[in-house]
């Protein structure tokens, strides 16, 4: 009878929180995150050194299917590269708003005040383009790719907000032009475009409200 394969393990380094502090810590984190808003007007103020690197390090701690870690984070700061990104994105966005989007979709977007123009892709000091990494010459087959990358992006946004930075999650469709803009191989597929920076002094955001807890949780 063949022996079961064994794999190396290490002792779990538990992040211990005393039970009497658990709710207070959860609420404190909530009180910071509830102030997070999507921002479209960015200041030219530079981002402090290493903040984005630490945020990406944190994002890369996210769980992933079979621990393949199928993500790539491309950080754009070069003005010419960002200009190219904006021009290519606006071509797709104009097609969406003027031809592909249904009336129902446009009605849902109306309170947000968006259109095909995307100046924030140039204005923000940095833009992080997040790619899903699929099977290729130097990458294994991933599992639960979209779920894994989505969780990592959640970690990324939370960390950047904790650092006092504003973000926006932009998802142009289709996204294949981003491989050229970011010099990435075909097995990498863009999933998110995230401008990062400080909000402009006169930045305004839509007056939206989050659903209350009893609208989003079911206890059985």
N, C-alpha and C. Protein backbone atom coordinates (compact mmCIF):
# COMPACT_ATOMS: atom_id res chain seq x y z
N UNK A 1 0.85 -1.20 0.00
CA UNK A 1 0.00 0.00 0.00
C UNK A 1 0.88 1.25 0.00
N UNK A 2 0.61 2.16 -0.95
CA UNK A 2 1.45 3.35 -1.06
C UNK A 2 1.26 4.25 0.16
N UNK A 3 2.36 4.84 0.59
CA UNK A 3 2.30 5.75 1.72
C UNK A 3 1.69 7.09 1.30
N UNK A 4 0.95 7.69 2.23
CA UNK A 4 0.40 9.01 1.97
C UNK A 4 1.53 10.03 1.90
N UNK A 5 1.51 10.93 0.90
CA UNK A 5 2.57 11.95 0.84
C UNK A 5 2.48 12.89 2.04
N UNK A 6 3.62 13.33 2.48
CA UNK A 6 3.65 14.28 3.59
C UNK A 6 4.24 15.59 3.11
N UNK A 7 3.77 16.66 3.68
CA UNK A 7 4.23 17.98 3.31
C UNK A 7 4.68 18.72 4.56
N UNK A 8 5.67 19.61 4.43
CA UNK A 8 6.18 20.29 5.62
C UNK A 8 5.15 21.23 6.23
N UNK A 9 5.18 21.33 7.53
CA UNK A 9 4.32 22.27 8.25
C UNK A 9 5.16 23.03 9.26
N UNK A 10 4.60 24.14 9.74
CA UNK A 10 5.24 24.91 10.80
C UNK A 10 4.18 25.20 11.86
N UNK A 11 4.61 25.47 13.05
CA UNK A 11 3.69 25.79 14.12
C UNK A 11 2.99 27.12 13.84
N UNK A 12 1.68 27.14 14.00
CA UNK A 12 0.90 28.36 13.75
C UNK A 12 1.27 29.43 14.77
N UNK A 13 1.66 30.61 14.25
CA UNK A 13 1.97 31.74 15.13
C UNK A 13 0.69 32.54 15.34
N UNK A 14 -0.02 32.20 16.37
CA UNK A 14 -1.33 32.80 16.59
C UNK A 14 -1.20 34.28 16.92
N UNK A 15 -2.10 35.06 16.30
CA UNK A 15 -2.19 36.49 16.63
C UNK A 15 -3.23 36.60 17.73
N UNK A 16 -2.77 36.60 18.96
CA UNK A 16 -3.69 36.53 20.08
C UNK A 16 -4.28 37.88 20.44
N UNK A 17 -5.58 37.90 20.63
CA UNK A 17 -6.29 39.09 21.12
C UNK A 17 -7.12 38.65 22.31
N UNK A 18 -6.93 39.27 23.46
CA UNK A 18 -7.74 38.90 24.63
C UNK A 18 -9.23 39.03 24.31
N UNK A 19 -10.01 38.08 24.77
CA UNK A 19 -11.44 38.06 24.44
C UNK A 19 -12.13 39.37 24.82
N UNK A 20 -11.71 39.98 25.93
CA UNK A 20 -12.39 41.20 26.37
C UNK A 20 -12.04 42.40 25.48
N UNK A 21 -11.03 42.27 24.60
CA UNK A 21 -10.66 43.36 23.70
C UNK A 21 -11.20 43.15 22.28
N UNK A 22 -11.74 41.98 22.01
CA UNK A 22 -12.09 41.63 20.63
C UNK A 22 -13.11 42.60 20.02
N UNK A 23 -14.18 42.88 20.76
CA UNK A 23 -15.20 43.77 20.21
C UNK A 23 -14.66 45.18 20.03
N UNK A 24 -13.89 45.66 20.99
CA UNK A 24 -13.35 47.03 20.89
C UNK A 24 -12.45 47.16 19.68
N UNK A 25 -11.62 46.14 19.43
CA UNK A 25 -10.73 46.20 18.27
C UNK A 25 -11.52 46.14 16.97
N UNK A 26 -12.54 45.28 16.94
CA UNK A 26 -13.37 45.19 15.74
C UNK A 26 -14.06 46.51 15.46
N UNK A 27 -14.56 47.14 16.52
CA UNK A 27 -15.27 48.41 16.33
C UNK A 27 -14.30 49.51 15.91
N UNK A 28 -13.10 49.53 16.48
CA UNK A 28 -12.13 50.55 16.11
C UNK A 28 -11.75 50.43 14.63
N UNK A 29 -11.59 49.21 14.16
CA UNK A 29 -11.27 49.01 12.74
C UNK A 29 -12.45 49.47 11.88
N UNK A 30 -13.65 49.12 12.30
CA UNK A 30 -14.85 49.57 11.58
C UNK A 30 -14.91 51.09 11.51
N UNK A 31 -14.62 51.75 12.63
CA UNK A 31 -14.75 53.20 12.69
C UNK A 31 -13.77 53.91 11.74
N UNK A 32 -12.64 53.25 11.46
CA UNK A 32 -11.71 53.78 10.46
C UNK A 32 -12.22 53.47 9.05
N UNK A 33 -12.62 52.23 8.83
CA UNK A 33 -12.99 51.81 7.48
C UNK A 33 -14.30 52.42 7.00
N UNK A 34 -15.21 52.76 7.94
CA UNK A 34 -16.49 53.31 7.52
C UNK A 34 -16.30 54.69 6.88
N UNK A 35 -15.14 55.31 7.09
CA UNK A 35 -14.85 56.61 6.48
C UNK A 35 -14.22 56.47 5.09
N UNK A 36 -13.95 55.24 4.68
CA UNK A 36 -13.37 55.04 3.35
C UNK A 36 -14.40 55.37 2.29
N UNK A 37 -14.01 56.18 1.30
CA UNK A 37 -14.87 56.52 0.18
C UNK A 37 -14.07 56.44 -1.11
N UNK A 38 -14.74 56.11 -2.16
CA UNK A 38 -14.14 56.16 -3.48
C UNK A 38 -13.97 57.63 -3.88
N UNK A 39 -12.75 58.00 -4.28
CA UNK A 39 -12.42 59.39 -4.59
C UNK A 39 -12.01 59.51 -6.05
N UNK A 40 -12.50 60.54 -6.72
CA UNK A 40 -12.17 60.76 -8.13
C UNK A 40 -11.36 62.03 -8.37
N UNK A 41 -11.15 62.80 -7.31
CA UNK A 41 -10.38 64.04 -7.44
C UNK A 41 -9.15 63.94 -6.54
N UNK A 42 -7.98 63.89 -7.16
CA UNK A 42 -6.75 63.64 -6.42
C UNK A 42 -5.85 64.87 -6.37
N UNK A 43 -5.14 65.00 -5.26
CA UNK A 43 -4.13 66.03 -5.08
C UNK A 43 -2.82 65.58 -5.73
N UNK A 44 -1.99 66.51 -6.17
CA UNK A 44 -0.66 66.13 -6.68
C UNK A 44 0.33 65.79 -5.56
N UNK A 45 -0.08 65.93 -4.30
CA UNK A 45 0.82 65.64 -3.18
C UNK A 45 1.41 64.25 -3.32
N UNK A 46 2.73 64.12 -3.22
CA UNK A 46 3.34 62.80 -3.40
C UNK A 46 2.99 61.83 -2.28
N UNK A 47 3.02 60.57 -2.61
CA UNK A 47 2.78 59.51 -1.63
C UNK A 47 4.08 59.23 -0.89
N UNK A 48 4.06 59.11 0.44
CA UNK A 48 5.30 58.83 1.17
C UNK A 48 5.97 57.55 0.68
N UNK A 49 7.29 57.56 0.73
CA UNK A 49 8.07 56.40 0.27
C UNK A 49 7.63 55.14 1.00
N UNK A 50 7.59 54.05 0.28
CA UNK A 50 7.38 52.69 0.80
C UNK A 50 5.95 52.37 1.22
N UNK A 51 5.05 53.35 1.26
CA UNK A 51 3.68 53.05 1.69
C UNK A 51 3.01 52.06 0.75
N UNK A 52 3.13 52.30 -0.56
CA UNK A 52 2.50 51.38 -1.52
C UNK A 52 3.14 50.00 -1.43
N UNK A 53 4.46 49.94 -1.25
CA UNK A 53 5.12 48.64 -1.12
C UNK A 53 4.56 47.86 0.07
N UNK A 54 4.38 48.54 1.20
CA UNK A 54 3.85 47.85 2.39
C UNK A 54 2.40 47.43 2.16
N UNK A 55 1.64 48.25 1.46
CA UNK A 55 0.26 47.88 1.17
C UNK A 55 0.20 46.64 0.28
N UNK A 56 1.10 46.57 -0.70
CA UNK A 56 1.13 45.39 -1.58
C UNK A 56 1.63 44.16 -0.82
N UNK A 57 2.60 44.36 0.06
CA UNK A 57 3.02 43.23 0.91
C UNK A 57 1.83 42.68 1.70
N UNK A 58 1.01 43.58 2.23
CA UNK A 58 -0.16 43.14 2.98
C UNK A 58 -1.15 42.44 2.07
N UNK A 59 -1.41 43.00 0.90
CA UNK A 59 -2.32 42.36 -0.05
C UNK A 59 -1.87 40.94 -0.38
N UNK A 60 -0.57 40.77 -0.49
CA UNK A 60 -0.01 39.46 -0.87
C UNK A 60 -0.06 38.44 0.27
N UNK A 61 -0.55 38.83 1.45
CA UNK A 61 -0.77 37.86 2.52
C UNK A 61 -2.15 37.23 2.43
N UNK A 62 -2.96 37.64 1.47
CA UNK A 62 -4.33 37.13 1.36
C UNK A 62 -4.33 35.63 1.07
N UNK A 63 -5.37 34.93 1.50
CA UNK A 63 -5.49 33.51 1.15
C UNK A 63 -5.73 33.35 -0.34
N UNK A 64 -5.27 32.24 -0.90
CA UNK A 64 -5.49 31.98 -2.33
C UNK A 64 -5.65 30.48 -2.54
N UNK A 65 -6.36 30.13 -3.60
CA UNK A 65 -6.60 28.73 -3.92
C UNK A 65 -5.30 27.96 -4.10
N UNK A 66 -5.11 26.89 -3.31
CA UNK A 66 -3.90 26.05 -3.35
C UNK A 66 -2.62 26.85 -3.11
N UNK A 67 -2.77 28.03 -2.50
CA UNK A 67 -1.64 28.92 -2.20
C UNK A 67 -0.82 29.26 -3.45
N UNK A 68 -1.46 29.35 -4.59
CA UNK A 68 -0.76 29.70 -5.82
C UNK A 68 -0.42 31.19 -5.87
N UNK A 69 -1.20 32.01 -5.15
CA UNK A 69 -0.97 33.45 -5.10
C UNK A 69 -0.96 34.06 -6.52
N UNK A 70 -2.10 33.96 -7.21
CA UNK A 70 -2.14 34.30 -8.63
C UNK A 70 -2.36 35.79 -8.91
N UNK A 71 -1.47 36.63 -8.37
CA UNK A 71 -1.66 38.07 -8.55
C UNK A 71 -0.36 38.75 -8.95
N UNK A 72 -0.50 39.86 -9.64
CA UNK A 72 0.62 40.73 -9.98
C UNK A 72 0.13 42.16 -9.80
N UNK A 73 0.94 42.98 -9.12
CA UNK A 73 0.59 44.37 -8.87
C UNK A 73 1.58 45.26 -9.63
N UNK A 74 1.09 45.98 -10.61
CA UNK A 74 1.93 46.85 -11.43
C UNK A 74 1.67 48.29 -11.00
N UNK A 75 2.71 48.97 -10.53
CA UNK A 75 2.58 50.33 -10.02
C UNK A 75 3.06 51.32 -11.08
N UNK A 76 2.14 52.16 -11.54
CA UNK A 76 2.46 53.16 -12.56
C UNK A 76 2.59 54.53 -11.91
N UNK A 77 3.74 55.16 -12.10
CA UNK A 77 3.95 56.52 -11.62
C UNK A 77 4.46 57.44 -12.73
N UNK A 78 4.93 56.87 -13.82
CA UNK A 78 5.46 57.65 -14.94
C UNK A 78 4.33 58.41 -15.63
N UNK A 79 4.41 59.74 -15.75
CA UNK A 79 3.32 60.52 -16.34
C UNK A 79 2.93 60.08 -17.75
N UNK A 80 3.90 59.74 -18.56
CA UNK A 80 3.61 59.33 -19.93
C UNK A 80 2.87 58.00 -19.94
N UNK A 81 3.26 57.09 -19.06
CA UNK A 81 2.59 55.79 -18.97
C UNK A 81 1.14 55.98 -18.50
N UNK A 82 0.94 56.86 -17.53
CA UNK A 82 -0.42 57.11 -17.03
C UNK A 82 -1.27 57.79 -18.11
N UNK A 83 -0.65 58.67 -18.90
CA UNK A 83 -1.40 59.32 -19.99
C UNK A 83 -1.87 58.28 -21.00
N UNK A 84 -0.98 57.36 -21.34
CA UNK A 84 -1.32 56.28 -22.27
C UNK A 84 -2.46 55.44 -21.69
N UNK A 85 -2.38 55.15 -20.39
CA UNK A 85 -3.44 54.39 -19.72
C UNK A 85 -4.77 55.12 -19.84
N UNK A 86 -4.78 56.40 -19.54
CA UNK A 86 -6.04 57.15 -19.59
C UNK A 86 -6.61 57.15 -21.00
N UNK A 87 -5.79 57.41 -21.99
CA UNK A 87 -6.29 57.48 -23.36
C UNK A 87 -6.92 56.15 -23.78
N UNK A 88 -6.24 55.05 -23.46
CA UNK A 88 -6.77 53.74 -23.85
C UNK A 88 -8.04 53.40 -23.08
N UNK A 89 -8.06 53.74 -21.79
CA UNK A 89 -9.24 53.45 -20.97
C UNK A 89 -10.45 54.25 -21.43
N UNK A 90 -10.23 55.51 -21.80
CA UNK A 90 -11.35 56.36 -22.19
C UNK A 90 -11.98 55.90 -23.52
N UNK A 91 -11.19 55.28 -24.38
CA UNK A 91 -11.76 54.72 -25.61
C UNK A 91 -12.78 53.65 -25.26
N UNK A 92 -12.41 52.73 -24.35
CA UNK A 92 -13.32 51.67 -23.94
C UNK A 92 -14.51 52.23 -23.16
N UNK A 93 -14.25 53.20 -22.30
CA UNK A 93 -15.32 53.76 -21.48
C UNK A 93 -16.33 54.52 -22.33
N UNK A 94 -15.86 55.24 -23.33
CA UNK A 94 -16.80 55.98 -24.20
C UNK A 94 -17.69 55.01 -24.95
N UNK A 95 -17.11 53.91 -25.40
CA UNK A 95 -17.90 52.88 -26.08
C UNK A 95 -18.96 52.31 -25.14
N UNK A 96 -18.57 52.11 -23.88
CA UNK A 96 -19.51 51.57 -22.89
C UNK A 96 -20.67 52.54 -22.65
N UNK A 97 -20.33 53.79 -22.33
CA UNK A 97 -21.38 54.75 -21.96
C UNK A 97 -22.29 55.11 -23.14
N UNK A 98 -21.74 55.12 -24.35
CA UNK A 98 -22.52 55.58 -25.50
C UNK A 98 -23.19 54.46 -26.27
N UNK A 99 -22.70 53.20 -26.11
CA UNK A 99 -23.25 52.12 -26.94
C UNK A 99 -23.59 50.84 -26.17
N UNK A 100 -22.72 50.40 -25.26
CA UNK A 100 -22.93 49.08 -24.67
C UNK A 100 -23.81 49.07 -23.43
N UNK A 101 -23.78 50.12 -22.66
CA UNK A 101 -24.51 50.13 -21.39
C UNK A 101 -26.02 50.20 -21.62
N UNK A 102 -26.77 49.42 -20.84
CA UNK A 102 -28.22 49.47 -20.92
C UNK A 102 -28.74 50.72 -20.21
N UNK A 103 -29.96 51.08 -20.52
CA UNK A 103 -30.57 52.24 -19.85
C UNK A 103 -30.65 52.02 -18.35
N UNK A 104 -30.92 50.78 -17.95
CA UNK A 104 -31.01 50.47 -16.51
C UNK A 104 -29.66 50.68 -15.82
N UNK A 105 -28.59 50.25 -16.50
CA UNK A 105 -27.24 50.40 -15.93
C UNK A 105 -26.88 51.88 -15.79
N UNK A 106 -27.15 52.65 -16.84
CA UNK A 106 -26.85 54.08 -16.80
C UNK A 106 -27.66 54.79 -15.72
N UNK A 107 -28.88 54.35 -15.52
CA UNK A 107 -29.71 54.94 -14.47
C UNK A 107 -29.11 54.65 -13.09
N UNK A 108 -28.58 53.43 -12.90
CA UNK A 108 -27.96 53.08 -11.63
C UNK A 108 -26.70 53.89 -11.37
N UNK A 109 -25.97 54.23 -12.45
CA UNK A 109 -24.73 55.00 -12.32
C UNK A 109 -24.97 56.50 -12.15
N UNK A 110 -26.15 56.97 -12.51
CA UNK A 110 -26.41 58.41 -12.53
C UNK A 110 -26.13 59.10 -11.20
N UNK A 111 -26.56 58.53 -10.04
CA UNK A 111 -26.28 59.23 -8.77
C UNK A 111 -24.80 59.32 -8.43
N UNK A 112 -23.99 58.45 -9.03
CA UNK A 112 -22.54 58.47 -8.76
C UNK A 112 -21.86 59.57 -9.56
N UNK A 113 -22.49 59.97 -10.66
CA UNK A 113 -21.96 61.09 -11.44
C UNK A 113 -20.79 60.74 -12.33
N UNK A 114 -20.68 59.49 -12.76
CA UNK A 114 -19.56 59.10 -13.61
C UNK A 114 -19.93 59.20 -15.09
N UNK A 115 -18.88 59.32 -15.92
CA UNK A 115 -19.06 59.24 -17.36
C UNK A 115 -17.79 58.63 -17.95
N UNK A 116 -17.59 58.77 -19.26
CA UNK A 116 -16.45 58.10 -19.90
C UNK A 116 -15.12 58.80 -19.62
N UNK A 117 -15.16 60.00 -19.12
CA UNK A 117 -13.92 60.74 -18.85
C UNK A 117 -13.27 60.24 -17.56
N UNK A 118 -11.98 59.94 -17.60
CA UNK A 118 -11.28 59.36 -16.45
C UNK A 118 -9.99 60.13 -16.13
N UNK A 119 -10.09 61.43 -15.79
CA UNK A 119 -8.87 62.21 -15.52
C UNK A 119 -8.07 61.69 -14.33
N UNK A 120 -8.73 61.00 -13.41
CA UNK A 120 -8.01 60.50 -12.23
C UNK A 120 -6.91 59.51 -12.59
N UNK A 121 -6.99 58.90 -13.77
CA UNK A 121 -5.93 57.98 -14.18
C UNK A 121 -4.62 58.69 -14.44
N UNK A 122 -4.69 59.99 -14.73
CA UNK A 122 -3.48 60.81 -14.87
C UNK A 122 -3.19 61.61 -13.61
N UNK A 123 -4.22 62.08 -12.93
CA UNK A 123 -4.04 62.99 -11.81
C UNK A 123 -3.47 62.30 -10.58
N UNK A 124 -3.88 61.07 -10.30
CA UNK A 124 -3.39 60.38 -9.11
C UNK A 124 -1.88 60.16 -9.21
N UNK A 125 -1.14 60.33 -8.12
CA UNK A 125 0.32 60.15 -8.17
C UNK A 125 0.73 58.74 -8.58
N UNK A 126 -0.10 57.75 -8.24
CA UNK A 126 0.21 56.36 -8.60
C UNK A 126 -1.07 55.66 -9.02
N UNK A 127 -0.91 54.69 -9.91
CA UNK A 127 -2.02 53.83 -10.30
C UNK A 127 -1.52 52.38 -10.18
N UNK A 128 -2.25 51.58 -9.41
CA UNK A 128 -1.90 50.17 -9.27
C UNK A 128 -2.82 49.36 -10.17
N UNK A 129 -2.25 48.65 -11.12
CA UNK A 129 -3.03 47.76 -11.97
C UNK A 129 -2.82 46.34 -11.46
N UNK A 130 -3.91 45.69 -11.09
CA UNK A 130 -3.84 44.35 -10.50
C UNK A 130 -4.20 43.33 -11.58
N UNK A 131 -3.32 42.37 -11.78
CA UNK A 131 -3.53 41.33 -12.77
C UNK A 131 -3.76 39.98 -12.10
N UNK A 132 -4.66 39.19 -12.70
CA UNK A 132 -4.75 37.76 -12.37
C UNK A 132 -3.67 37.05 -13.17
N UNK A 133 -2.93 36.15 -12.51
CA UNK A 133 -1.88 35.41 -13.21
C UNK A 133 -2.38 34.00 -13.50
N UNK A 134 -2.56 33.70 -14.78
CA UNK A 134 -3.04 32.39 -15.20
C UNK A 134 -1.85 31.52 -15.64
N UNK A 135 -2.13 30.30 -16.05
CA UNK A 135 -1.07 29.35 -16.41
C UNK A 135 -0.28 29.87 -17.60
N UNK A 136 1.05 29.86 -17.46
CA UNK A 136 1.92 30.33 -18.52
C UNK A 136 3.26 29.63 -18.44
N UNK A 137 4.23 30.06 -19.23
CA UNK A 137 5.55 29.41 -19.24
C UNK A 137 6.22 29.37 -17.87
N UNK A 138 5.97 30.38 -17.05
CA UNK A 138 6.63 30.43 -15.74
C UNK A 138 5.64 30.54 -14.58
N UNK A 139 4.39 30.23 -14.83
CA UNK A 139 3.38 30.32 -13.77
C UNK A 139 2.49 29.08 -13.80
N UNK A 140 2.17 28.52 -12.63
CA UNK A 140 1.33 27.32 -12.57
C UNK A 140 -0.14 27.65 -12.79
N UNK A 141 -0.94 26.62 -12.97
CA UNK A 141 -2.37 26.82 -13.10
C UNK A 141 -2.93 27.31 -11.77
N UNK A 142 -3.67 28.41 -11.76
CA UNK A 142 -4.26 28.91 -10.51
C UNK A 142 -5.63 28.28 -10.26
N UNK A 143 -6.08 28.40 -9.03
CA UNK A 143 -7.39 27.89 -8.65
C UNK A 143 -8.13 29.00 -7.89
N UNK A 144 -9.43 29.13 -8.18
CA UNK A 144 -10.23 30.19 -7.56
C UNK A 144 -9.54 31.55 -7.75
N UNK A 145 -9.18 31.81 -9.00
CA UNK A 145 -8.36 32.98 -9.30
C UNK A 145 -9.06 34.29 -8.95
N UNK A 146 -10.28 34.46 -9.44
CA UNK A 146 -10.98 35.74 -9.20
C UNK A 146 -11.23 35.94 -7.72
N UNK A 147 -11.61 34.88 -7.02
CA UNK A 147 -11.85 34.99 -5.59
C UNK A 147 -10.57 35.39 -4.85
N UNK A 148 -9.47 34.74 -5.20
CA UNK A 148 -8.20 35.01 -4.54
C UNK A 148 -7.75 36.45 -4.77
N UNK A 149 -7.81 36.90 -6.01
CA UNK A 149 -7.38 38.26 -6.34
C UNK A 149 -8.32 39.28 -5.70
N UNK A 150 -9.61 38.98 -5.68
CA UNK A 150 -10.56 39.90 -5.06
C UNK A 150 -10.29 40.10 -3.58
N UNK A 151 -9.96 39.02 -2.86
CA UNK A 151 -9.64 39.14 -1.44
C UNK A 151 -8.37 39.98 -1.26
N UNK A 152 -7.36 39.74 -2.11
CA UNK A 152 -6.11 40.49 -2.02
C UNK A 152 -6.35 41.98 -2.25
N UNK A 153 -7.22 42.32 -3.19
CA UNK A 153 -7.53 43.73 -3.45
C UNK A 153 -8.24 44.34 -2.25
N UNK A 154 -9.09 43.59 -1.58
CA UNK A 154 -9.71 44.09 -0.36
C UNK A 154 -8.68 44.44 0.70
N UNK A 155 -7.69 43.55 0.88
CA UNK A 155 -6.59 43.84 1.81
C UNK A 155 -5.86 45.11 1.39
N UNK A 156 -5.62 45.25 0.08
CA UNK A 156 -4.88 46.40 -0.45
C UNK A 156 -5.62 47.71 -0.15
N UNK A 157 -6.91 47.75 -0.46
CA UNK A 157 -7.68 48.96 -0.23
C UNK A 157 -7.74 49.32 1.24
N UNK A 158 -7.91 48.31 2.10
CA UNK A 158 -7.98 48.58 3.54
C UNK A 158 -6.66 49.14 4.05
N UNK A 159 -5.54 48.60 3.60
CA UNK A 159 -4.24 49.07 4.06
C UNK A 159 -3.97 50.49 3.59
N UNK A 160 -4.27 50.79 2.34
CA UNK A 160 -4.06 52.15 1.82
C UNK A 160 -4.93 53.16 2.57
N UNK A 161 -6.16 52.77 2.89
CA UNK A 161 -7.02 53.66 3.66
C UNK A 161 -6.47 53.88 5.06
N UNK A 162 -5.97 52.83 5.68
CA UNK A 162 -5.37 52.95 7.01
C UNK A 162 -4.18 53.91 6.99
N UNK A 163 -3.51 54.00 5.85
CA UNK A 163 -2.37 54.91 5.70
C UNK A 163 -2.79 56.33 5.35
N UNK A 164 -4.10 56.58 5.25
CA UNK A 164 -4.59 57.92 4.97
C UNK A 164 -4.70 58.26 3.50
N UNK A 165 -4.59 57.25 2.63
CA UNK A 165 -4.65 57.49 1.19
C UNK A 165 -6.03 57.18 0.64
N UNK A 166 -6.37 57.86 -0.42
CA UNK A 166 -7.64 57.63 -1.11
C UNK A 166 -7.41 56.72 -2.31
N UNK A 167 -8.45 55.98 -2.66
CA UNK A 167 -8.36 55.05 -3.79
C UNK A 167 -9.66 55.07 -4.58
N UNK A 168 -9.59 54.45 -5.74
CA UNK A 168 -10.76 54.24 -6.58
C UNK A 168 -10.57 52.91 -7.28
N UNK A 169 -11.61 52.10 -7.36
CA UNK A 169 -11.51 50.83 -8.10
C UNK A 169 -12.17 51.01 -9.46
N UNK A 170 -11.36 50.99 -10.49
CA UNK A 170 -11.82 51.20 -11.86
C UNK A 170 -11.69 49.89 -12.61
N UNK A 171 -12.76 49.50 -13.31
CA UNK A 171 -12.74 48.22 -14.03
C UNK A 171 -13.23 48.41 -15.46
N UNK A 172 -12.38 48.98 -16.32
CA UNK A 172 -12.78 49.13 -17.72
C UNK A 172 -12.99 47.75 -18.35
N UNK A 173 -13.85 47.69 -19.33
CA UNK A 173 -14.11 46.41 -19.99
C UNK A 173 -14.29 46.66 -21.50
N UNK A 174 -13.54 45.91 -22.32
CA UNK A 174 -12.52 44.92 -21.99
C UNK A 174 -11.22 45.57 -21.49
N UNK A 175 -10.33 44.74 -20.93
CA UNK A 175 -9.12 45.25 -20.29
C UNK A 175 -7.83 44.84 -20.98
N UNK A 176 -7.90 44.18 -22.11
CA UNK A 176 -6.69 43.65 -22.72
C UNK A 176 -5.66 44.73 -23.05
N UNK A 177 -6.09 45.96 -23.25
CA UNK A 177 -5.14 47.04 -23.57
C UNK A 177 -4.15 47.25 -22.43
N UNK A 178 -4.50 46.81 -21.23
CA UNK A 178 -3.62 47.01 -20.08
C UNK A 178 -2.36 46.15 -20.15
N UNK A 179 -2.41 45.04 -20.87
CA UNK A 179 -1.18 44.25 -21.04
C UNK A 179 -0.12 45.05 -21.78
N UNK A 180 -0.55 45.80 -22.79
CA UNK A 180 0.40 46.63 -23.54
C UNK A 180 0.88 47.80 -22.68
N UNK A 181 -0.06 48.47 -22.02
CA UNK A 181 0.30 49.63 -21.20
C UNK A 181 1.31 49.24 -20.12
N UNK A 182 1.12 48.05 -19.54
CA UNK A 182 1.94 47.62 -18.39
C UNK A 182 3.03 46.62 -18.76
N UNK A 183 3.19 46.34 -20.05
CA UNK A 183 4.24 45.40 -20.50
C UNK A 183 4.11 44.04 -19.82
N UNK A 184 2.90 43.47 -19.82
CA UNK A 184 2.68 42.18 -19.17
C UNK A 184 2.37 41.12 -20.21
N UNK A 185 2.75 39.85 -19.93
CA UNK A 185 2.53 38.75 -20.88
C UNK A 185 1.05 38.36 -20.95
N UNK A 186 0.67 37.60 -21.98
CA UNK A 186 -0.75 37.29 -22.19
C UNK A 186 -1.39 36.45 -21.09
N UNK A 187 -0.60 35.66 -20.34
CA UNK A 187 -1.20 34.86 -19.27
C UNK A 187 -1.63 35.70 -18.07
N UNK A 188 -1.24 36.96 -18.06
CA UNK A 188 -1.69 37.86 -17.01
C UNK A 188 -2.88 38.67 -17.53
N UNK A 189 -3.96 38.68 -16.77
CA UNK A 189 -5.20 39.33 -17.20
C UNK A 189 -5.58 40.40 -16.19
N UNK A 190 -5.69 41.63 -16.65
CA UNK A 190 -6.00 42.75 -15.76
C UNK A 190 -7.37 42.56 -15.13
N UNK A 191 -7.47 42.91 -13.85
CA UNK A 191 -8.71 42.77 -13.11
C UNK A 191 -9.18 44.08 -12.48
N UNK A 192 -8.23 44.90 -12.01
CA UNK A 192 -8.56 46.16 -11.33
C UNK A 192 -7.54 47.22 -11.70
N UNK A 193 -8.02 48.46 -11.82
CA UNK A 193 -7.15 49.62 -11.97
C UNK A 193 -7.45 50.52 -10.77
N UNK A 194 -6.43 50.79 -9.95
CA UNK A 194 -6.65 51.48 -8.68
C UNK A 194 -5.78 52.74 -8.58
N UNK A 195 -6.32 53.91 -8.92
CA UNK A 195 -5.59 55.15 -8.64
C UNK A 195 -5.43 55.34 -7.13
N UNK A 196 -4.26 55.86 -6.73
CA UNK A 196 -3.95 56.03 -5.31
C UNK A 196 -3.33 57.40 -5.08
N UNK A 197 -3.73 58.06 -4.01
CA UNK A 197 -3.13 59.33 -3.65
C UNK A 197 -3.93 60.00 -2.55
N UNK A 198 -3.62 61.27 -2.31
CA UNK A 198 -4.40 62.05 -1.35
C UNK A 198 -5.54 62.74 -2.08
N UNK A 199 -6.71 62.85 -1.44
CA UNK A 199 -7.81 63.55 -2.11
C UNK A 199 -7.50 65.03 -2.27
N UNK A 200 -7.99 65.62 -3.34
CA UNK A 200 -7.87 67.06 -3.53
C UNK A 200 -8.61 67.79 -2.41
N UNK A 201 -8.17 69.00 -2.10
CA UNK A 201 -8.79 69.75 -1.00
C UNK A 201 -10.27 69.98 -1.23
N UNK A 202 -10.67 70.13 -2.49
CA UNK A 202 -12.08 70.38 -2.79
C UNK A 202 -12.79 69.13 -3.30
N UNK A 203 -12.22 67.96 -3.03
CA UNK A 203 -12.82 66.71 -3.51
C UNK A 203 -14.21 66.52 -2.89
N UNK A 204 -15.15 66.12 -3.72
CA UNK A 204 -16.50 65.83 -3.25
C UNK A 204 -16.85 64.40 -3.65
N UNK A 205 -17.71 63.78 -2.86
CA UNK A 205 -18.13 62.40 -3.14
C UNK A 205 -19.66 62.35 -3.07
N UNK A 206 -20.27 61.40 -3.75
CA UNK A 206 -21.73 61.28 -3.70
C UNK A 206 -22.23 61.04 -2.27
N UNK A 207 -23.41 61.53 -1.99
CA UNK A 207 -24.02 61.38 -0.67
C UNK A 207 -24.73 60.03 -0.62
N UNK A 208 -23.93 58.98 -0.37
CA UNK A 208 -24.49 57.63 -0.32
C UNK A 208 -24.54 57.15 1.12
N UNK A 209 -25.27 56.06 1.33
CA UNK A 209 -25.41 55.48 2.67
C UNK A 209 -25.25 53.97 2.57
N UNK A 210 -24.60 53.38 3.57
CA UNK A 210 -24.45 51.93 3.60
C UNK A 210 -25.70 51.27 4.16
N UNK A 211 -25.96 50.08 3.69
CA UNK A 211 -27.10 49.33 4.21
C UNK A 211 -26.88 49.00 5.68
N UNK A 212 -27.92 49.05 6.51
CA UNK A 212 -27.76 48.68 7.92
C UNK A 212 -27.48 47.18 8.06
N UNK A 213 -26.96 46.82 9.22
CA UNK A 213 -26.54 45.44 9.45
C UNK A 213 -27.66 44.44 9.21
N UNK A 214 -28.87 44.77 9.64
CA UNK A 214 -29.96 43.80 9.49
C UNK A 214 -30.39 43.61 8.05
N UNK A 215 -29.85 44.41 7.13
CA UNK A 215 -30.14 44.24 5.71
C UNK A 215 -29.09 43.38 5.03
N UNK A 216 -27.98 43.13 5.67
CA UNK A 216 -26.89 42.41 5.01
C UNK A 216 -26.48 41.13 5.73
N UNK A 217 -27.04 40.86 6.90
CA UNK A 217 -26.66 39.66 7.64
C UNK A 217 -27.89 38.81 7.90
N UNK A 218 -27.71 37.50 7.81
CA UNK A 218 -28.75 36.52 8.14
C UNK A 218 -28.17 35.57 9.18
N UNK A 219 -28.82 35.42 10.30
CA UNK A 219 -28.36 34.53 11.36
C UNK A 219 -29.28 33.30 11.40
N UNK A 220 -28.69 32.12 11.33
CA UNK A 220 -29.46 30.88 11.33
C UNK A 220 -29.07 30.00 12.51
